């Protein structure tokens, strides 16, 4: 389960207030692997979690994590530039979140969470929690570091931070509200992607990889992969079609209004 009041964890694939499972980051990464290698994401369930704005670590970094940690900081820094500029245009200051990298477990204002939770944003302390062991697993077992998926994970969780700052992040409200908030975070991640593309930060095929991953992590797709029937009433992140559409809404125009947030 996600920490109480945390956002972005939950095997089902999105980024709202969540309960249970692997978060958007872990799901995206799992699906990149499954997309590239034809592997059932449920068979490689490993953890992951995130945050932004400063950098802390709850455990000594394991061998081989330095690159992932540095990459995470660089992507977070880029989101800070993008959202700082967007907020400044409205005469507001953007206070960035703090990135917390950890192994095994981490204590947050939303409670104690293990790597099994997946990446999440805790509005109580405005931190993004990320367990790098999941990325190590991808590197070592599958040779698929998934840089863009890694970046998109962070951008999605930063989207929850933006929701928190503008008053769009709410706890409770059931699955329908969870889906709305997760899809909005996907859209906000798309806005970061739009900026990255306009600055030639993305490599050829990165956007397509993100869209393919978003399609693969819809609640309906994951339920089918798990061998069960599709139950829309149980969705917490949205269908594949909804997730792709949400990401593209932000990515195509880079406009906050497309994500349901007034400028």
Protein backbone atom coordinates (compact mmCIF):
# COMPACT_ATOMS: atom_id res chain seq x y z
CA UNK A 1 0.00 0.00 0.00
CA UNK A 2 1.04 3.56 -0.52
CA UNK A 3 1.83 5.52 2.59
CA UNK A 4 -1.29 7.16 4.01
CA UNK A 5 -1.98 10.27 2.00
CA UNK A 6 0.77 9.49 -0.47
CA UNK A 7 0.37 9.79 -4.21
CA UNK A 8 1.81 7.77 -7.04
CA UNK A 9 2.08 4.25 -5.66
CA UNK A 10 -0.25 1.45 -6.64
CA UNK A 11 -0.10 -1.33 -9.19
CA UNK A 12 -2.60 -0.15 -11.69
CA UNK A 13 -0.64 2.62 -13.14
CA UNK A 14 -1.19 6.24 -12.49
CA UNK A 15 -0.48 9.01 -10.21
CA UNK A 16 -3.15 10.17 -7.88
CA UNK A 17 -3.90 9.35 -4.28
CA UNK A 18 -3.18 5.73 -4.22
CA UNK A 19 -3.60 2.63 -2.24
CA UNK A 20 -1.63 -0.46 -2.86
CA UNK A 21 0.91 -1.89 -5.24
CA UNK A 22 3.59 -0.51 -7.47
CA UNK A 23 3.54 3.14 -8.43
CA UNK A 24 3.54 4.97 -11.73
CA UNK A 25 7.30 4.90 -11.89
CA UNK A 26 7.63 1.23 -11.23
CA UNK A 27 4.75 0.45 -13.54
CA UNK A 28 6.16 2.54 -16.37
CA UNK A 29 9.53 0.88 -16.01
CA UNK A 30 8.02 -2.58 -15.81
CA UNK A 31 6.03 -1.90 -18.92
CA UNK A 32 9.02 -0.55 -20.82
CA UNK A 33 10.70 -3.87 -20.07
CA UNK A 34 7.61 -5.86 -21.04
CA UNK A 35 7.23 -3.76 -24.20
CA UNK A 36 10.84 -4.34 -25.21
CA UNK A 37 11.16 -7.97 -24.15
CA UNK A 38 7.61 -9.32 -24.18
CA UNK A 39 7.73 -10.01 -20.43
CA UNK A 40 4.69 -10.05 -18.16
CA UNK A 41 5.24 -7.07 -15.81
CA UNK A 42 3.78 -9.04 -12.93
CA UNK A 43 6.70 -11.45 -13.20
CA UNK A 44 9.31 -8.76 -12.54
CA UNK A 45 7.63 -6.96 -9.71
CA UNK A 46 10.40 -4.98 -8.05
CA UNK A 47 10.16 -1.67 -6.23
CA UNK A 48 10.77 2.01 -6.71
CA UNK A 49 9.88 5.52 -5.28
CA UNK A 50 10.49 9.32 -5.68
CA UNK A 51 10.51 13.15 -4.78
CA UNK A 52 12.20 16.48 -5.71
CA UNK A 53 13.77 19.84 -4.74
CA UNK A 54 16.81 18.83 -2.71
CA UNK A 55 18.50 15.50 -2.29
CA UNK A 56 18.64 13.15 0.65
CA UNK A 57 19.37 9.47 1.00
CA UNK A 58 18.06 7.17 3.71
CA UNK A 59 20.74 4.53 3.11
CA UNK A 60 24.24 4.37 1.62
CA UNK A 61 23.96 4.00 -2.15
CA UNK A 62 24.56 0.48 -3.40
CA UNK A 63 27.20 -0.18 -6.06
CA UNK A 64 26.14 1.01 -9.47
CA UNK A 65 23.51 3.48 -8.28
CA UNK A 66 25.57 6.63 -8.74
CA UNK A 67 24.48 7.07 -12.36
CA UNK A 68 20.80 6.58 -11.51
CA UNK A 69 21.07 9.00 -8.61
CA UNK A 70 22.77 11.63 -10.74
CA UNK A 71 20.29 11.11 -13.58
CA UNK A 72 17.40 11.51 -11.12
CA UNK A 73 18.86 14.76 -9.83
CA UNK A 74 19.37 16.07 -13.36
CA UNK A 75 15.80 15.28 -14.39
CA UNK A 76 14.45 16.78 -11.20
CA UNK A 77 16.51 19.90 -11.86
CA UNK A 78 15.05 20.11 -15.34
CA UNK A 79 11.49 19.85 -14.01
CA UNK A 80 12.34 22.64 -11.57
CA UNK A 81 13.40 24.88 -14.44
CA UNK A 82 10.26 24.08 -16.43
CA UNK A 83 7.79 24.53 -13.59
CA UNK A 84 9.69 27.50 -12.19
CA UNK A 85 9.23 29.25 -15.52
CA UNK A 86 5.54 28.29 -15.77
CA UNK A 87 4.81 29.55 -12.25
CA UNK A 88 6.83 32.74 -12.83
CA UNK A 89 4.66 33.60 -15.83
CA UNK A 90 1.73 33.79 -13.41
CA UNK A 91 3.71 35.88 -10.94
CA UNK A 92 4.19 32.95 -8.56
CA UNK A 93 7.19 31.20 -7.10
CA UNK A 94 7.65 27.47 -7.60
CA UNK A 95 8.95 25.77 -4.44
CA UNK A 96 10.46 22.49 -5.68
CA UNK A 97 9.99 19.18 -3.90
CA UNK A 98 12.85 17.23 -2.34
CA UNK A 99 14.12 14.03 -3.90
CA UNK A 100 14.68 11.16 -1.48
CA UNK A 101 16.57 8.12 -2.76
CA UNK A 102 16.51 5.05 -0.56
CA UNK A 103 17.03 1.31 -0.34
CA UNK A 104 14.52 -1.09 1.20
CA UNK A 105 12.39 1.35 3.23
CA UNK A 106 11.96 5.03 4.01
CA UNK A 107 10.09 7.02 6.63
CA UNK A 108 8.02 9.93 5.30
CA UNK A 109 5.34 12.25 6.62
CA UNK A 110 2.92 9.86 4.92
CA UNK A 111 4.24 6.91 6.93
CA UNK A 112 6.80 4.15 6.58
CA UNK A 113 7.02 2.73 3.07
CA UNK A 114 8.97 -0.13 1.58
CA UNK A 115 10.42 -0.50 -1.89
CA UNK A 116 7.34 -2.55 -2.80
CA UNK A 117 5.23 0.61 -2.78
CA UNK A 118 6.86 2.13 -5.84
CA UNK A 119 7.66 5.80 -6.46
CA UNK A 120 5.39 8.20 -4.63
CA UNK A 121 4.93 11.81 -3.68
CA UNK A 122 4.09 12.71 -0.09
CA UNK A 123 2.23 16.03 0.18
CA UNK A 124 2.85 16.10 3.93
CA UNK A 125 6.57 16.77 3.51
CA UNK A 126 6.59 17.73 -0.19
CA UNK A 127 9.07 15.00 -1.00
CA UNK A 128 9.39 12.54 -3.87
CA UNK A 129 10.53 9.07 -2.81
CA UNK A 130 12.44 6.78 -5.16
CA UNK A 131 14.04 3.40 -4.46
CA UNK A 132 16.86 2.94 -6.96
CA UNK A 133 16.95 -0.83 -6.46
CA UNK A 134 14.25 -1.18 -9.08
CA UNK A 135 16.39 0.57 -11.68
CA UNK A 136 19.36 -1.59 -10.69
CA UNK A 137 17.21 -4.65 -11.26
CA UNK A 138 16.32 -3.47 -14.75
CA UNK A 139 19.94 -2.72 -15.55
CA UNK A 140 21.34 -5.98 -14.23
CA UNK A 141 18.65 -8.48 -15.21
CA UNK A 142 17.31 -6.99 -18.41
CA UNK A 143 19.94 -4.56 -19.69
CA UNK A 144 17.16 -1.97 -20.02
CA UNK A 145 18.01 1.18 -18.05
CA UNK A 146 15.02 2.99 -19.55
CA UNK A 147 16.24 6.58 -19.23
CA UNK A 148 13.08 8.13 -20.61
CA UNK A 149 10.85 5.91 -18.46
CA UNK A 150 12.98 6.93 -15.46
CA UNK A 151 12.55 10.58 -16.38
CA UNK A 152 8.83 10.20 -16.98
CA UNK A 153 8.40 8.56 -13.58
CA UNK A 154 9.92 11.62 -11.94
CA UNK A 155 7.91 14.03 -14.10
CA UNK A 156 4.69 12.25 -13.13
CA UNK A 157 5.46 12.43 -9.42
CA UNK A 158 6.44 16.08 -9.81
CA UNK A 159 3.01 16.46 -11.40
CA UNK A 160 1.55 15.44 -8.03
CA UNK A 161 3.67 18.12 -6.39
CA UNK A 162 2.28 20.72 -8.80
CA UNK A 163 -1.23 19.49 -7.99
CA UNK A 164 -0.44 19.94 -4.31
CA UNK A 165 0.78 23.49 -4.84
CA UNK A 166 -2.30 24.58 -6.79
CA UNK A 167 -4.77 22.83 -4.50
CA UNK A 168 -5.72 20.07 -6.93
CA UNK A 169 -4.40 17.18 -4.84
CA UNK A 170 -6.97 15.74 -2.47
CA UNK A 171 -6.99 12.65 -0.31
CA UNK A 172 -10.08 10.48 -0.20
CA UNK A 173 -12.89 10.58 -2.72
CA UNK A 174 -12.65 7.01 -3.92
CA UNK A 175 -11.48 5.47 -7.16
CA UNK A 176 -13.12 7.99 -9.48
CA UNK A 177 -11.21 10.86 -7.89
CA UNK A 178 -8.02 8.80 -7.90
CA UNK A 179 -8.36 8.23 -11.64
CA UNK A 180 -8.91 11.95 -12.27
CA UNK A 181 -5.85 12.92 -10.27
CA UNK A 182 -3.63 10.25 -11.78
CA UNK A 183 -4.63 11.24 -15.30
CA UNK A 184 -4.00 14.87 -14.49
CA UNK A 185 -0.49 13.96 -13.25
CA UNK A 186 0.05 12.12 -16.55
CA UNK A 187 -1.00 15.29 -18.36
CA UNK A 188 1.36 17.41 -16.26
CA UNK A 189 4.18 14.97 -17.03
CA UNK A 190 3.31 15.54 -20.67
CA UNK A 191 3.78 19.29 -20.19
CA UNK A 192 7.31 18.65 -18.97
CA UNK A 193 7.81 16.34 -21.97
CA UNK A 194 6.59 19.10 -24.30
CA UNK A 195 9.20 21.46 -22.89
CA UNK A 196 11.93 18.81 -23.13
CA UNK A 197 11.02 18.12 -26.76
CA UNK A 198 11.02 21.83 -27.62
CA UNK A 199 14.55 22.09 -26.22
CA UNK A 200 15.74 18.99 -28.06
CA UNK A 201 16.34 17.21 -24.76
CA UNK A 202 14.53 14.05 -25.89
CA UNK A 203 16.12 11.51 -28.18
CA UNK A 204 14.28 10.21 -31.22
CA UNK A 205 11.62 7.75 -30.14
CA UNK A 206 11.47 8.87 -26.50
CA UNK A 207 7.97 10.31 -26.78
CA UNK A 208 6.73 7.21 -28.55
CA UNK A 209 8.24 5.04 -25.83
CA UNK A 210 6.40 7.06 -23.22
CA UNK A 211 3.11 6.72 -25.11
CA UNK A 212 3.62 2.97 -25.52
CA UNK A 213 4.39 2.64 -21.82
CA UNK A 214 1.33 4.68 -20.86
CA UNK A 215 -0.82 2.43 -23.03
CA UNK A 216 0.66 -0.67 -21.42
CA UNK A 217 -0.01 0.44 -17.85
CA UNK A 218 -3.68 1.26 -18.10
CA UNK A 219 -5.78 -0.48 -15.45
CA UNK A 220 -7.63 -2.48 -18.10
CA UNK A 221 -4.41 -3.74 -19.68
CA UNK A 222 -2.89 -4.68 -16.34
CA UNK A 223 -6.03 -6.53 -15.29
CA UNK A 224 -5.98 -8.52 -18.52
CA UNK A 225 -2.28 -9.29 -18.08
CA UNK A 226 -2.97 -10.54 -14.56
CA UNK A 227 -5.43 -13.01 -16.04
CA UNK A 228 -8.50 -11.38 -14.60
CA UNK A 229 -11.48 -9.67 -16.13
CA UNK A 230 -11.60 -5.92 -16.69
CA UNK A 231 -13.44 -4.17 -13.86
CA UNK A 232 -13.76 -0.43 -14.59
CA UNK A 233 -15.24 0.20 -11.15
CA UNK A 234 -11.92 -0.88 -9.61
CA UNK A 235 -9.74 1.41 -11.74
CA UNK A 236 -7.48 3.75 -9.78
CA UNK A 237 -5.37 5.18 -12.62
CA UNK A 238 -7.45 5.01 -15.77
CA UNK A 239 -7.59 2.85 -18.85
CA UNK A 240 -4.78 2.61 -21.39
CA UNK A 241 -6.65 4.90 -23.77
CA UNK A 242 -7.24 7.45 -21.02
CA UNK A 243 -3.61 7.45 -19.94
CA UNK A 244 -2.30 7.90 -23.45
CA UNK A 245 -4.79 10.70 -24.08
CA UNK A 246 -3.84 12.45 -20.82
CA UNK A 247 -0.12 12.35 -21.55
CA UNK A 248 -0.67 13.55 -25.10
CA UNK A 249 -2.89 16.41 -23.92
CA UNK A 250 0.03 17.85 -22.00
CA UNK A 251 2.72 16.84 -24.45
CA UNK A 252 1.06 18.14 -27.61
CA UNK A 253 0.28 21.65 -26.44
CA UNK A 254 2.22 22.25 -23.24
CA UNK A 255 -0.81 24.12 -21.90
CA UNK A 256 -1.92 23.85 -18.26
CA UNK A 257 -5.50 24.43 -19.28
CA UNK A 258 -5.43 21.15 -21.21
CA UNK A 259 -4.77 19.47 -17.86
CA UNK A 260 -7.67 21.23 -16.17
CA UNK A 261 -5.56 23.82 -14.33
CA UNK A 262 -6.20 27.51 -14.94
CA UNK A 263 -3.13 29.63 -15.59
